[in-house]
Amino acid sequence: MPTTEALAGEPPPANALRAVLGALCGHDDSRLFALLDGARIRNLSLMLRELAVPALGLYRVGADEALGHVMPSIARVSLPGPLPLWLAVGAEMLENTVFVIATVSLEELQTHFRRLLLVLDPRGARNYLRFYDARVLPPLLAGSTEVERARIFGPVEAFLVLEGRAPDGTPTFRELRRPAAGATDIRPPSATDPLRLSERHEAVLAKDAIARYDARCVRWLREQFPAPLQARADADVERIVVQARTLGPLLGFEAGRDVTTLAEALALGFGADDEAEVRRAVVRERRTVLEGIRDRLATRPPAPP
């Protein structure tokens, strides 16, 4: 099952992207930057160097060599420059970008974003936070208090994440704006006073991750099995996915791959006899048994009308 969450439509033309971003930054691209996720954008560091885009990595000096291929970066966006064109080439690049509007320097943004990399979880343990991930930032902010949001924003006026595309490919962005009240009086995160995540954050992030998995799995099932699911409403297919998430752990399946395989089997008519067959198998062989059942169901002749 694909791990990307492609939005419907083709990648937006570069000029359409430039026009939309220009309007959002008040046609002043000195205020426009991009948070780029090296773990989800292939060859990010190489491309930034080849395009001569002003950019700074968020990891500390010394980590660049070992982790350069996954390092997030903050880059300056020149609207007539090569970065908008490059981001418009592949849908996955734009979807994995968080645009930033701020009236500070590239170096100041690097300093601020580095302070957000290490956070305390509700149990007091230090963890890396993928705040620069376009999938993580919106629910992170939604689960935060006004003070927490202000600490995350710091000097940033707005974050922009891709929301969708018009039929002609023109992108639309979700604007995440800095809290207006009291933001200047709030101290930024630091090594001695890092951002602390709460159980509220964990609950919101977990709920969002499940919702995204369900939506992605529904698309996957429809792509793989168009004939069996043609007459089924999206709500019916969503119930298949929820059933797979619920039944999977009871059958010994915890990995997302196995839950997806179970959803595939359920979409094809996995029933009580099939479940009993899985349960009779020893745990280490259940994945193979389930895959065999799915493949058998996929080649079963359709029921007569």
C-alpha atoms as a PDB file:
ATOM      1  CA  MET A   1       0.000   0.000   0.000  1.00  0.00           C
ATOM      2  CA  PRO A   2       1.421   3.439  -0.864  1.00  0.00           C
ATOM      3  CA  THR A   3       2.529   5.575   2.059  1.00  0.00           C
ATOM      4  CA  THR A   4       2.076   8.901   0.281  1.00  0.00           C
ATOM      5  CA  GLU A   5      -1.225  10.718   0.489  1.00  0.00           C
ATOM      6  CA  ALA A   6      -1.559  12.171  -2.990  1.00  0.00           C
ATOM      7  CA  LEU A   7      -4.216  14.832  -3.460  1.00  0.00           C
ATOM      8  CA  ALA A   8      -6.527  14.577  -6.458  1.00  0.00           C
ATOM      9  CA  GLY A   9      -5.397  16.314  -9.625  1.00  0.00           C
ATOM     10  CA  GLU A  10      -2.141  17.008 -11.413  1.00  0.00           C
ATOM     11  CA  PRO A  11       0.837  18.930  -9.971  1.00  0.00           C
ATOM     12  CA  PRO A  12       0.117  22.655 -10.283  1.00  0.00           C
ATOM     13  CA  PRO A  13       1.876  24.607 -13.024  1.00  0.00           C
ATOM     14  CA  ALA A  14       4.742  26.614 -11.668  1.00  0.00           C
ATOM     15  CA  ASN A  15       3.197  29.951 -12.647  1.00  0.00           C
ATOM     16  CA  ALA A  16      -0.057  29.097 -10.861  1.00  0.00           C
ATOM     17  CA  LEU A  17       1.928  28.174  -7.754  1.00  0.00           C
ATOM     18  CA  ARG A  18       3.881  31.429  -7.968  1.00  0.00           C
ATOM     19  CA  ALA A  19       0.678  33.456  -8.304  1.00  0.00           C
ATOM     20  CA  VAL A  20      -0.998  31.832  -5.302  1.00  0.00           C
ATOM     21  CA  LEU A  21       2.074  32.122  -3.083  1.00  0.00           C
ATOM     22  CA  GLY A  22       2.592  35.722  -4.202  1.00  0.00           C
ATOM     23  CA  ALA A  23      -0.920  36.662  -3.114  1.00  0.00           C
ATOM     24  CA  LEU A  24      -0.491  34.920   0.255  1.00  0.00           C
ATOM     25  CA  CYS A  25       2.774  36.713   1.062  1.00  0.00           C
ATOM     26  CA  GLY A  26       1.488  40.119  -0.085  1.00  0.00           C
ATOM     27  CA  HIS A  27       3.643  39.931  -3.226  1.00  0.00           C
ATOM     28  CA  ASP A  28       6.748  40.350  -1.055  1.00  0.00           C
ATOM     29  CA  ASP A  29       8.758  37.150  -1.401  1.00  0.00           C
ATOM     30  CA  SER A  30      11.398  38.430   1.041  1.00  0.00           C
ATOM     31  CA  ARG A  31       8.865  37.182   3.621  1.00  0.00           C
ATOM     32  CA  LEU A  32       8.407  33.760   2.000  1.00  0.00           C
ATOM     33  CA  PHE A  33      10.275  30.621   3.073  1.00  0.00           C
ATOM     34  CA  ALA A  34       9.781  26.863   2.814  1.00  0.00           C
ATOM     35  CA  LEU A  35      10.239  24.128   5.419  1.00  0.00           C
ATOM     36  CA  LEU A  36      11.331  21.082   3.427  1.00  0.00           C
ATOM     37  CA  ASP A  37      11.296  17.536   4.802  1.00  0.00           C
ATOM     38  CA  GLY A  38      14.390  15.636   3.684  1.00  0.00           C
ATOM     39  CA  ALA A  39      12.894  12.332   4.810  1.00  0.00           C
ATOM     40  CA  ARG A  40       9.967  12.704   2.394  1.00  0.00           C
ATOM     41  CA  ILE A  41      11.492  14.745  -0.458  1.00  0.00           C
ATOM     42  CA  ARG A  42      14.026  12.635  -2.320  1.00  0.00           C
ATOM     43  CA  ASN A  43      17.502  14.131  -2.879  1.00  0.00           C
ATOM     44  CA  LEU A  44      16.500  17.352  -1.131  1.00  0.00           C
ATOM     45  CA  SER A  45      19.986  18.499  -0.075  1.00  0.00           C
ATOM     46  CA  LEU A  46      21.422  17.743  -3.523  1.00  0.00           C
ATOM     47  CA  MET A  47      18.666  19.633  -5.328  1.00  0.00           C
ATOM     48  CA  LEU A  48      18.948  22.680  -3.085  1.00  0.00           C
ATOM     49  CA  ARG A  49      22.677  22.841  -3.818  1.00  0.00           C
ATOM     50  CA  GLU A  50      22.239  22.359  -7.567  1.00  0.00           C
ATOM     51  CA  LEU A  51      19.517  25.007  -7.742  1.00  0.00           C
ATOM     52  CA  ALA A  52      21.620  27.388  -5.607  1.00  0.00           C
ATOM     53  CA  VAL A  53      18.642  28.005  -3.315  1.00  0.00           C
ATOM     54  CA  PRO A  54      19.580  29.790  -0.067  1.00  0.00           C
ATOM     55  CA  ALA A  55      18.834  27.146   2.577  1.00  0.00           C
ATOM     56  CA  LEU A  56      19.953  26.065   6.030  1.00  0.00           C
ATOM     57  CA  GLY A  57      19.649  22.635   7.618  1.00  0.00           C
ATOM     58  CA  LEU A  58      17.926  22.272  10.955  1.00  0.00           C
ATOM     59  CA  TYR A  59      20.297  19.663  12.355  1.00  0.00           C
ATOM     60  CA  ARG A  60      23.409  20.721  14.223  1.00  0.00           C
ATOM     61  CA  VAL A  61      26.828  20.871  12.561  1.00  0.00           C
ATOM     62  CA  GLY A  62      28.265  17.368  12.513  1.00  0.00           C
ATOM     63  CA  ALA A  63      24.955  15.669  11.836  1.00  0.00           C
ATOM     64  CA  ASP A  64      24.870  16.867   8.225  1.00  0.00           C
ATOM     65  CA  GLU A  65      27.111  14.113   6.862  1.00  0.00           C
ATOM     66  CA  ALA A  66      25.377  11.203   8.575  1.00  0.00           C
ATOM     67  CA  LEU A  67      21.817  12.515   8.329  1.00  0.00           C
ATOM     68  CA  GLY A  68      21.977  14.857   5.365  1.00  0.00           C
ATOM     69  CA  HIS A  69      19.681  12.642   3.285  1.00  0.00           C
ATOM     70  CA  VAL A  70      16.818  13.039   5.786  1.00  0.00           C
ATOM     71  CA  MET A  71      17.624  16.463   7.239  1.00  0.00           C
ATOM     72  CA  PRO A  72      14.844  19.077   7.189  1.00  0.00           C
ATOM     73  CA  SER A  73      15.819  22.452   5.822  1.00  0.00           C
ATOM     74  CA  ILE A  74      14.485  25.986   5.806  1.00  0.00           C
ATOM     75  CA  ALA A  75      14.860  27.667   2.417  1.00  0.00           C
ATOM     76  CA  ARG A  76      14.233  31.128   1.061  1.00  0.00           C
ATOM     77  CA  VAL A  77      11.614  31.187  -1.715  1.00  0.00           C
ATOM     78  CA  SER A  78      12.189  33.537  -4.622  1.00  0.00           C
ATOM     79  CA  LEU A  79       8.970  33.528  -6.639  1.00  0.00           C
ATOM     80  CA  PRO A  80      10.684  33.958 -10.028  1.00  0.00           C
ATOM     81  CA  GLY A  81      13.454  31.572  -8.972  1.00  0.00           C
ATOM     82  CA  PRO A  82      13.839  27.806  -9.519  1.00  0.00           C
ATOM     83  CA  LEU A  83      12.345  26.505  -6.249  1.00  0.00           C
ATOM     84  CA  PRO A  84       8.633  26.984  -7.151  1.00  0.00           C
ATOM     85  CA  LEU A  85       9.277  25.288 -10.505  1.00  0.00           C
ATOM     86  CA  TRP A  86      10.993  22.337  -8.821  1.00  0.00           C
ATOM     87  CA  LEU A  87       8.223  21.962  -6.238  1.00  0.00           C
ATOM     88  CA  ALA A  88       5.613  22.012  -9.017  1.00  0.00           C
ATOM     89  CA  VAL A  89       7.255  19.131 -10.901  1.00  0.00           C
ATOM     90  CA  GLY A  90       6.140  16.361  -8.542  1.00  0.00           C
ATOM     91  CA  ALA A  91       2.979  16.267  -6.459  1.00  0.00           C
ATOM     92  CA  GLU A  92       4.747  14.656  -3.524  1.00  0.00           C
ATOM     93  CA  MET A  93       7.227  17.536  -3.166  1.00  0.00           C
ATOM     94  CA  LEU A  94       4.594  20.240  -2.807  1.00  0.00           C
ATOM     95  CA  GLU A  95       2.532  18.068  -0.466  1.00  0.00           C
ATOM     96  CA  ASN A  96       5.573  17.635   1.778  1.00  0.00           C
ATOM     97  CA  THR A  97       6.368  21.346   1.977  1.00  0.00           C
ATOM     98  CA  VAL A  98       5.297  23.798   4.668  1.00  0.00           C
ATOM     99  CA  PHE A  99       5.548  27.375   3.434  1.00  0.00           C
ATOM    100  CA  VAL A 100       6.419  30.013   6.012  1.00  0.00           C
ATOM    101  CA  ILE A 101       5.635  33.726   6.055  1.00  0.00           C
ATOM    102  CA  ALA A 102       7.894  35.753   8.344  1.00  0.00           C
ATOM    103  CA  THR A 103       9.681  39.105   8.400  1.00  0.00           C
ATOM    104  CA  VAL A 104      12.942  37.749   9.826  1.00  0.00           C
ATOM    105  CA  SER A 105      16.120  36.333   8.348  1.00  0.00           C
ATOM    106  CA  LEU A 106      16.783  32.782   7.237  1.00  0.00           C
ATOM    107  CA  GLU A 107      19.223  32.403  10.131  1.00  0.00           C
ATOM    108  CA  GLU A 108      16.642  33.539  12.694  1.00  0.00           C
ATOM    109  CA  LEU A 109      14.157  30.998  11.387  1.00  0.00           C
ATOM    110  CA  GLN A 110      16.789  28.258  11.538  1.00  0.00           C
ATOM    111  CA  THR A 111      17.474  29.129  15.181  1.00  0.00           C
ATOM    112  CA  HIS A 112      13.791  29.095  16.074  1.00  0.00           C
ATOM    113  CA  PHE A 113      12.992  25.839  14.287  1.00  0.00           C
ATOM    114  CA  ARG A 114      16.000  24.093  15.820  1.00  0.00           C
ATOM    115  CA  ARG A 115      14.491  24.845  19.236  1.00  0.00           C
ATOM    116  CA  LEU A 116      11.413  22.828  18.266  1.00  0.00           C
ATOM    117  CA  LEU A 117      13.241  19.666  17.236  1.00  0.00           C
ATOM    118  CA  LEU A 118      13.597  18.260  20.756  1.00  0.00           C
ATOM    119  CA  VAL A 119      10.526  18.308  22.996  1.00  0.00           C
ATOM    120  CA  LEU A 120       9.405  16.671  26.218  1.00  0.00           C
ATOM    121  CA  ASP A 121       6.630  14.110  25.974  1.00  0.00           C
ATOM    122  CA  PRO A 122       3.930  13.837  28.682  1.00  0.00           C
ATOM    123  CA  ARG A 123       6.175  11.456  30.631  1.00  0.00           C
ATOM    124  CA  GLY A 124       9.100  13.877  30.595  1.00  0.00           C
ATOM    125  CA  ALA A 125      11.223  12.000  28.050  1.00  0.00           C
ATOM    126  CA  ARG A 126      12.984  13.891  25.278  1.00  0.00           C
ATOM    127  CA  ASN A 127      11.756  13.119  21.768  1.00  0.00           C
ATOM    128  CA  TYR A 128      12.258  14.493  18.295  1.00  0.00           C
ATOM    129  CA  LEU A 129       9.233  16.365  16.952  1.00  0.00           C
ATOM    130  CA  ARG A 130       8.552  16.319  13.209  1.00  0.00           C
ATOM    131  CA  PHE A 131       6.799  19.695  13.344  1.00  0.00           C
ATOM    132  CA  TYR A 132       8.086  20.435   9.816  1.00  0.00           C
ATOM    133  CA  ASP A 133       6.041  17.520   8.442  1.00  0.00           C
ATOM    134  CA  ALA A 134       3.002  18.930   6.621  1.00  0.00           C
ATOM    135  CA  ARG A 135       0.940  16.047   8.054  1.00  0.00           C
ATOM    136  CA  VAL A 136       1.987  16.756  11.661  1.00  0.00           C
ATOM    137  CA  LEU A 137       1.914  20.556  11.950  1.00  0.00           C
ATOM    138  CA  PRO A 138      -1.878  21.153  11.588  1.00  0.00           C
ATOM    139  CA  PRO A 139      -2.967  18.646  14.291  1.00  0.00           C
ATOM    140  CA  LEU A 140      -0.054  19.728  16.496  1.00  0.00           C
ATOM    141  CA  LEU A 141      -1.328  23.309  16.419  1.00  0.00           C
ATOM    142  CA  ALA A 142      -4.957  22.177  16.782  1.00  0.00           C
ATOM    143  CA  GLY A 143      -4.069  20.313  19.971  1.00  0.00           C
ATOM    144  CA  SER A 144      -2.136  23.239  21.464  1.00  0.00           C
ATOM    145  CA  THR A 145      -3.196  25.997  23.826  1.00  0.00           C
ATOM    146  CA  GLU A 146      -2.792  29.634  22.782  1.00  0.00           C
ATOM    147  CA  VAL A 147       0.499  29.853  24.690  1.00  0.00           C
ATOM    148  CA  GLU A 148       1.799  26.629  23.134  1.00  0.00           C
ATOM    149  CA  ARG A 149       0.825  27.840  19.668  1.00  0.00           C
ATOM    150  CA  ALA A 150       2.613  31.121  20.250  1.00  0.00           C
ATOM    151  CA  ARG A 151       5.783  29.244  21.267  1.00  0.00           C
ATOM    152  CA  ILE A 152       5.592  27.091  18.135  1.00  0.00           C
ATOM    153  CA  PHE A 153       5.030  30.073  15.840  1.00  0.00           C
ATOM    154  CA  GLY A 154       7.700  32.303  17.375  1.00  0.00           C
ATOM    155  CA  PRO A 155       8.578  34.882  14.678  1.00  0.00           C
ATOM    156  CA  VAL A 156       6.442  33.100  12.061  1.00  0.00           C
ATOM    157  CA  GLU A 157       3.339  34.986  10.925  1.00  0.00           C
ATOM    158  CA  ALA A 158       1.752  32.049   9.089  1.00  0.00           C
ATOM    159  CA  PHE A 159       2.341  28.485   7.963  1.00  0.00           C
ATOM    160  CA  LEU A 160       0.848  27.338   4.654  1.00  0.00           C
ATOM    161  CA  VAL A 161       0.125  23.674   3.884  1.00  0.00           C
ATOM    162  CA  LEU A 162      -1.324  22.318   0.664  1.00  0.00           C
ATOM    163  CA  GLU A 163      -5.075  21.765   0.980  1.00  0.00           C
ATOM    164  CA  GLY A 164      -6.139  20.834  -2.535  1.00  0.00           C
ATOM    165  CA  ARG A 165      -6.083  21.700  -6.206  1.00  0.00           C
ATOM    166  CA  ALA A 166      -8.539  23.136  -8.682  1.00  0.00           C
ATOM    167  CA  PRO A 167      -9.294  21.104 -11.831  1.00  0.00           C
ATOM    168  CA  ASP A 168      -6.651  23.132 -13.711  1.00  0.00           C
ATOM    169  CA  GLY A 169      -4.024  22.231 -11.086  1.00  0.00           C
ATOM    170  CA  THR A 170      -3.995  25.584  -9.259  1.00  0.00           C
ATOM    171  CA  PRO A 171      -3.166  24.862  -5.603  1.00  0.00           C
ATOM    172  CA  THR A 172      -5.059  26.033  -2.557  1.00  0.00           C
ATOM    173  CA  PHE A 173      -3.374  26.323   0.818  1.00  0.00           C
ATOM    174  CA  ARG A 174      -4.576  26.079   4.374  1.00  0.00           C
ATOM    175  CA  GLU A 175      -3.381  29.113   6.317  1.00  0.00           C
ATOM    176  CA  LEU A 176      -2.305  28.561   9.909  1.00  0.00           C
ATOM    177  CA  ARG A 177      -1.970  31.999  11.502  1.00  0.00           C
ATOM    178  CA  ARG A 178      -0.014  33.042  14.601  1.00  0.00           C
ATOM    179  CA  PRO A 179      -2.136  33.871  17.676  1.00  0.00           C
ATOM    180  CA  ALA A 180      -2.621  37.608  17.869  1.00  0.00           C
ATOM    181  CA  ALA A 181      -2.724  38.198  21.617  1.00  0.00           C
ATOM    182  CA  GLY A 182       0.359  38.226  23.812  1.00  0.00           C
ATOM    183  CA  ALA A 183       2.656  36.361  21.406  1.00  0.00           C
ATOM    184  CA  THR A 184       5.510  38.847  21.867  1.00  0.00           C
ATOM    185  CA  ASP A 185       5.530  38.268  25.636  1.00  0.00           C
ATOM    186  CA  ILE A 186       6.026  34.501  25.424  1.00  0.00           C
ATOM    187  CA  ARG A 187       9.499  33.022  25.696  1.00  0.00           C
ATOM    188  CA  PRO A 188      10.578  30.743  22.841  1.00  0.00           C
ATOM    189  CA  PRO A 189      11.538  27.137  23.550  1.00  0.00           C
ATOM    190  CA  SER A 190      15.120  26.550  24.661  1.00  0.00           C
ATOM    191  CA  ALA A 191      17.413  23.745  25.814  1.00  0.00           C
ATOM    192  CA  THR A 192      16.456  24.448  29.428  1.00  0.00           C
ATOM    193  CA  ASP A 193      12.782  25.147  28.712  1.00  0.00           C
ATOM    194  CA  PRO A 194      11.738  22.993  25.744  1.00  0.00           C
ATOM    195  CA  LEU A 195       8.253  22.695  24.365  1.00  0.00           C
ATOM    196  CA  ARG A 196       6.348  20.117  26.403  1.00  0.00           C
ATOM    197  CA  LEU A 197       3.761  17.956  24.695  1.00  0.00           C
ATOM    198  CA  SER A 198       0.691  16.906  26.663  1.00  0.00           C
ATOM    199  CA  GLU A 199      -1.582  13.904  26.552  1.00  0.00           C
ATOM    200  CA  ARG A 200      -3.945  16.196  24.655  1.00  0.00           C
ATOM    201  CA  HIS A 201      -1.339  16.538  21.902  1.00  0.00           C
ATOM    202  CA  GLU A 202      -0.829  12.786  21.757  1.00  0.00           C
ATOM    203  CA  ALA A 203      -4.567  12.147  21.501  1.00  0.00           C
ATOM    204  CA  VAL A 204      -5.079  14.706  18.712  1.00  0.00           C
ATOM    205  CA  LEU A 205      -2.053  13.474  16.748  1.00  0.00           C
ATOM    206  CA  ALA A 206      -3.103   9.825  17.113  1.00  0.00           C
ATOM    207  CA  LYS A 207      -6.662  10.579  16.003  1.00  0.00           C
ATOM    208  CA  ASP A 208      -5.397  12.487  12.988  1.00  0.00           C
ATOM    209  CA  ALA A 209      -2.984   9.695  12.025  1.00  0.00           C
ATOM    210  CA  ILE A 210      -5.780   7.120  12.153  1.00  0.00           C
ATOM    211  CA  ALA A 211      -8.071   9.319  10.050  1.00  0.00           C
ATOM    212  CA  ARG A 212      -5.348   9.773   7.433  1.00  0.00           C
ATOM    213  CA  TYR A 213      -4.637   6.029   7.400  1.00  0.00           C
ATOM    214  CA  ASP A 214      -8.332   5.255   6.940  1.00  0.00           C
ATOM    215  CA  ALA A 215      -8.679   7.718   4.050  1.00  0.00           C
ATOM    216  CA  ARG A 216      -5.508   6.444   2.407  1.00  0.00           C
ATOM    217  CA  CYS A 217      -6.620   2.830   2.798  1.00  0.00           C
ATOM    218  CA  VAL A 218     -10.038   3.567   1.273  1.00  0.00           C
ATOM    219  CA  ARG A 219      -8.321   5.031  -1.806  1.00  0.00           C
ATOM    220  CA  TRP A 220      -5.988   2.056  -1.995  1.00  0.00           C
ATOM    221  CA  LEU A 221      -8.820  -0.478  -1.808  1.00  0.00           C
ATOM    222  CA  ARG A 222     -10.762   1.301  -4.550  1.00  0.00           C
ATOM    223  CA  GLU A 223      -7.672   1.389  -6.777  1.00  0.00           C
ATOM    224  CA  GLN A 224      -6.872  -2.298  -6.231  1.00  0.00           C
ATOM    225  CA  PHE A 225     -10.378  -3.741  -6.326  1.00  0.00           C
ATOM    226  CA  PRO A 226     -12.570  -1.466  -8.472  1.00  0.00           C
ATOM    227  CA  ALA A 227     -15.038  -4.189  -9.516  1.00  0.00           C
ATOM    228  CA  PRO A 228     -15.933  -5.587  -6.050  1.00  0.00           C
ATOM    229  CA  LEU A 229     -16.210  -2.080  -4.581  1.00  0.00           C
ATOM    230  CA  GLN A 230     -17.816  -0.287  -7.503  1.00  0.00           C
ATOM    231  CA  ALA A 231     -21.307  -0.319  -5.984  1.00  0.00           C
ATOM    232  CA  ARG A 232     -20.105   0.328  -2.421  1.00  0.00           C
ATOM    233  CA  ALA A 233     -20.370   3.810  -0.909  1.00  0.00           C
ATOM    234  CA  ASP A 234     -17.295   5.361   0.682  1.00  0.00           C
ATOM    235  CA  ALA A 235     -18.883   4.903   4.112  1.00  0.00           C
ATOM    236  CA  ASP A 236     -19.112   1.156   3.469  1.00  0.00           C
ATOM    237  CA  VAL A 237     -15.460   0.968   2.440  1.00  0.00           C
ATOM    238  CA  GLU A 238     -14.489   3.025   5.510  1.00  0.00           C
ATOM    239  CA  ARG A 239     -16.284   0.455   7.675  1.00  0.00           C
ATOM    240  CA  ILE A 240     -14.150  -2.269   6.083  1.00  0.00           C
ATOM    241  CA  VAL A 241     -11.013  -0.373   7.080  1.00  0.00           C
ATOM    242  CA  VAL A 242     -12.265   0.185  10.641  1.00  0.00           C
ATOM    243  CA  GLN A 243     -13.163  -3.511  10.878  1.00  0.00           C
ATOM    244  CA  ALA A 244      -9.625  -4.415   9.767  1.00  0.00           C
ATOM    245  CA  ARG A 245      -8.097  -2.113  12.403  1.00  0.00           C
ATOM    246  CA  THR A 246     -10.340  -3.652  15.072  1.00  0.00           C
ATOM    247  CA  LEU A 247     -10.045  -7.305  14.063  1.00  0.00           C
ATOM    248  CA  GLY A 248      -6.348  -7.194  13.163  1.00  0.00           C
ATOM    249  CA  PRO A 249      -4.941  -7.079  16.717  1.00  0.00           C
ATOM    250  CA  LEU A 250      -7.343  -9.845  17.783  1.00  0.00           C
ATOM    251  CA  LEU A 251      -5.776 -12.054  15.106  1.00  0.00           C
ATOM    252  CA  GLY A 252      -2.244 -11.067  16.090  1.00  0.00           C
ATOM    253  CA  PHE A 253      -1.736  -8.415  13.418  1.00  0.00           C
ATOM    254  CA  GLU A 254      -0.242  -5.172  14.741  1.00  0.00           C
ATOM    255  CA  ALA A 255       1.772  -3.918  11.730  1.00  0.00           C
ATOM    256  CA  GLY A 256       0.062  -1.546   9.334  1.00  0.00           C
ATOM    257  CA  ARG A 257       1.035  -3.781   6.425  1.00  0.00           C
ATOM    258  CA  ASP A 258      -0.881  -6.708   7.910  1.00  0.00           C
ATOM    259  CA  VAL A 259      -3.922  -4.596   8.766  1.00  0.00           C
ATOM    260  CA  THR A 260      -3.983  -3.377   5.174  1.00  0.00           C
ATOM    261  CA  THR A 261      -3.791  -6.967   3.908  1.00  0.00           C
ATOM    262  CA  LEU A 262      -6.713  -7.831   6.180  1.00  0.00           C
ATOM    263  CA  ALA A 263      -8.684  -4.871   4.782  1.00  0.00           C
ATOM    264  CA  GLU A 264      -7.980  -6.158   1.283  1.00  0.00           C
ATOM    265  CA  ALA A 265      -9.252  -9.612   2.244  1.00  0.00           C
ATOM    266  CA  LEU A 266     -12.369  -8.131   3.862  1.00  0.00           C
ATOM    267  CA  ALA A 267     -13.076  -6.120   0.723  1.00  0.00           C
ATOM    268  CA  LEU A 268     -12.967  -9.376  -1.227  1.00  0.00           C
ATOM    269  CA  GLY A 269     -15.341 -11.252   1.077  1.00  0.00           C
ATOM    270  CA  PHE A 270     -13.195 -12.506   3.982  1.00  0.00           C
ATOM    271  CA  GLY A 271     -15.613 -14.364   6.247  1.00  0.00           C
ATOM    272  CA  ALA A 272     -15.934 -16.525   9.363  1.00  0.00           C
ATOM    273  CA  ASP A 273     -14.309 -19.601   7.788  1.00  0.00           C
ATOM    274  CA  ASP A 274     -11.347 -17.496   6.646  1.00  0.00           C
ATOM    275  CA  GLU A 275     -10.982 -15.979  10.108  1.00  0.00           C
ATOM    276  CA  ALA A 276     -11.012 -19.463  11.641  1.00  0.00           C
ATOM    277  CA  GLU A 277      -8.272 -20.531   9.214  1.00  0.00           C
ATOM    278  CA  VAL A 278      -6.082 -17.634  10.361  1.00  0.00           C
ATOM    279  CA  ARG A 279      -6.710 -18.391  14.033  1.00  0.00           C
ATOM    280  CA  ARG A 280      -5.721 -22.064  13.571  1.00  0.00           C
ATOM    281  CA  ALA A 281      -2.294 -21.037  12.244  1.00  0.00           C
ATOM    282  CA  VAL A 282       0.593 -20.419  14.614  1.00  0.00           C
ATOM    283  CA  VAL A 283       1.225 -16.704  15.082  1.00  0.00           C
ATOM    284  CA  ARG A 284       4.464 -16.570  13.061  1.00  0.00           C
ATOM    285  CA  GLU A 285       2.688 -18.069  10.033  1.00  0.00           C
ATOM    286  CA  ARG A 286      -0.475 -15.978  10.147  1.00  0.00           C
ATOM    287  CA  ARG A 287       0.781 -13.296   7.777  1.00  0.00           C
ATOM    288  CA  THR A 288       1.468 -15.907   5.101  1.00  0.00           C
ATOM    289  CA  VAL A 289      -1.903 -17.559   5.716  1.00  0.00           C
ATOM    290  CA  LEU A 290      -3.720 -14.220   5.466  1.00  0.00           C
ATOM    291  CA  GLU A 291      -1.936 -13.285   2.245  1.00  0.00           C
ATOM    292  CA  GLY A 292      -2.881 -16.686   0.818  1.00  0.00           C
ATOM    293  CA  ILE A 293      -6.537 -16.151   1.713  1.00  0.00           C
ATOM    294  CA  ARG A 294      -6.510 -12.693   0.116  1.00  0.00           C
ATOM    295  CA  ASP A 295      -4.961 -14.041  -3.077  1.00  0.00           C
ATOM    296  CA  ARG A 296      -7.452 -16.915  -3.162  1.00  0.00           C
ATOM    297  CA  LEU A 297     -10.370 -14.522  -2.744  1.00  0.00           C
ATOM    298  CA  ALA A 298      -8.990 -12.233  -5.452  1.00  0.00           C
ATOM    299  CA  THR A 299      -9.011 -15.076  -7.998  1.00  0.00           C
ATOM    300  CA  ARG A 300     -12.409 -16.443  -6.994  1.00  0.00           C
ATOM    301  CA  PRO A 301     -14.960 -16.272  -9.834  1.00  0.00           C
ATOM    302  CA  PRO A 302     -17.571 -13.539  -9.273  1.00  0.00           C
ATOM    303  CA  ALA A 303     -20.899 -14.663  -7.851  1.00  0.00           C
ATOM    304  CA  PRO A 304     -23.647 -15.013 -10.465  1.00  0.00           C
ATOM    305  CA  PRO A 305     -26.122 -12.098 -10.595  1.00  0.00           C
END
